[in-house]
Amino acid sequence: MTDCEVWEIKYDDFQEVFRSIPGFAEWGRLWFTYQLFTLKQRSLDMITISATSRYLKLSKEKPKIL
């Protein structure tokens, strides 16, 4: 654990930002699309790739985690 600073924004305020800043809305759509793709890929990997292969993939793609 490390010290950190957390910010909070109310849902209605967040929706107002999306409505009022066109670039932010586009960024949100792109971010959501990326997250959805990543989740789908991870789910597929969990059922199609062995644990050993997933570990090797993790060590190759994100070595700092290990």
Protein backbone atom coordinates (compact mmCIF):
# COMPACT_ATOMS: atom_id res chain seq x y z
CA MET A 1 0.00 0.00 0.00
CA THR A 2 1.09 3.52 -0.75
CA ASP A 3 -0.32 6.92 0.04
CA CYS A 4 -2.57 8.27 -2.65
CA GLU A 5 -5.09 10.96 -3.36
CA VAL A 6 -8.60 10.03 -4.47
CA TRP A 7 -11.02 12.31 -6.27
CA GLU A 8 -14.74 11.77 -6.40
CA ILE A 9 -17.27 13.11 -8.87
CA LYS A 10 -21.00 12.66 -8.59
CA TYR A 11 -22.67 10.71 -11.40
CA ASP A 12 -24.85 13.64 -12.49
CA ASP A 13 -21.83 15.96 -12.62
CA PHE A 14 -19.91 13.39 -14.66
CA GLN A 15 -22.80 13.13 -17.12
CA GLU A 16 -22.84 16.92 -17.44
CA VAL A 17 -19.15 16.87 -18.39
CA PHE A 18 -19.94 14.35 -21.13
CA ARG A 19 -22.78 16.55 -22.41
CA SER A 20 -20.88 19.82 -22.27
CA ILE A 21 -17.43 18.82 -23.63
CA PRO A 22 -17.65 17.05 -27.03
CA GLY A 23 -14.03 15.85 -26.91
CA PHE A 24 -14.56 14.27 -23.51
CA ALA A 25 -17.57 12.33 -24.78
CA GLU A 26 -15.51 10.98 -27.68
CA TRP A 27 -12.67 10.03 -25.34
CA GLY A 28 -15.19 8.22 -23.11
CA ARG A 29 -16.53 6.20 -26.02
CA LEU A 30 -13.02 5.23 -27.12
CA TRP A 31 -12.00 4.30 -23.56
CA PHE A 32 -15.13 2.20 -23.06
CA THR A 33 -14.58 0.42 -26.39
CA TYR A 34 -10.99 -0.41 -25.41
CA GLN A 35 -12.04 -1.67 -21.98
CA LEU A 36 -14.77 -3.84 -23.48
CA PHE A 37 -12.31 -5.36 -25.98
CA THR A 38 -9.77 -5.99 -23.21
CA LEU A 39 -12.36 -7.68 -20.99
CA LYS A 40 -13.54 -9.88 -23.87
CA GLN A 41 -9.96 -10.90 -24.72
CA ARG A 42 -9.21 -11.69 -21.08
CA SER A 43 -12.36 -13.81 -20.80
CA LEU A 44 -11.46 -15.74 -23.94
CA ASP A 45 -7.92 -16.29 -22.68
CA MET A 46 -9.26 -17.71 -19.40
CA ILE A 47 -11.15 -20.47 -21.22
CA THR A 48 -8.86 -21.13 -24.18
CA ILE A 49 -5.31 -20.79 -22.82
CA SER A 50 -3.67 -22.86 -20.11
CA ALA A 51 -2.60 -21.27 -16.84
CA THR A 52 1.06 -21.71 -17.79
CA SER A 53 0.55 -19.98 -21.13
CA ARG A 54 -1.37 -17.14 -19.47
CA TYR A 55 1.48 -16.68 -16.99
CA LEU A 56 4.04 -16.60 -19.78
CA LYS A 57 1.90 -14.10 -21.70
CA LEU A 58 1.64 -11.91 -18.59
CA SER A 59 5.39 -12.02 -17.99
CA LYS A 60 6.00 -11.03 -21.62
CA GLU A 61 3.35 -8.30 -21.90
CA LYS A 62 3.58 -6.81 -18.40
CA PRO A 63 6.89 -7.81 -16.80
CA LYS A 64 6.72 -5.03 -14.18
CA ILE A 65 3.73 -6.73 -12.55
CA LEU A 66 5.84 -9.72 -11.65
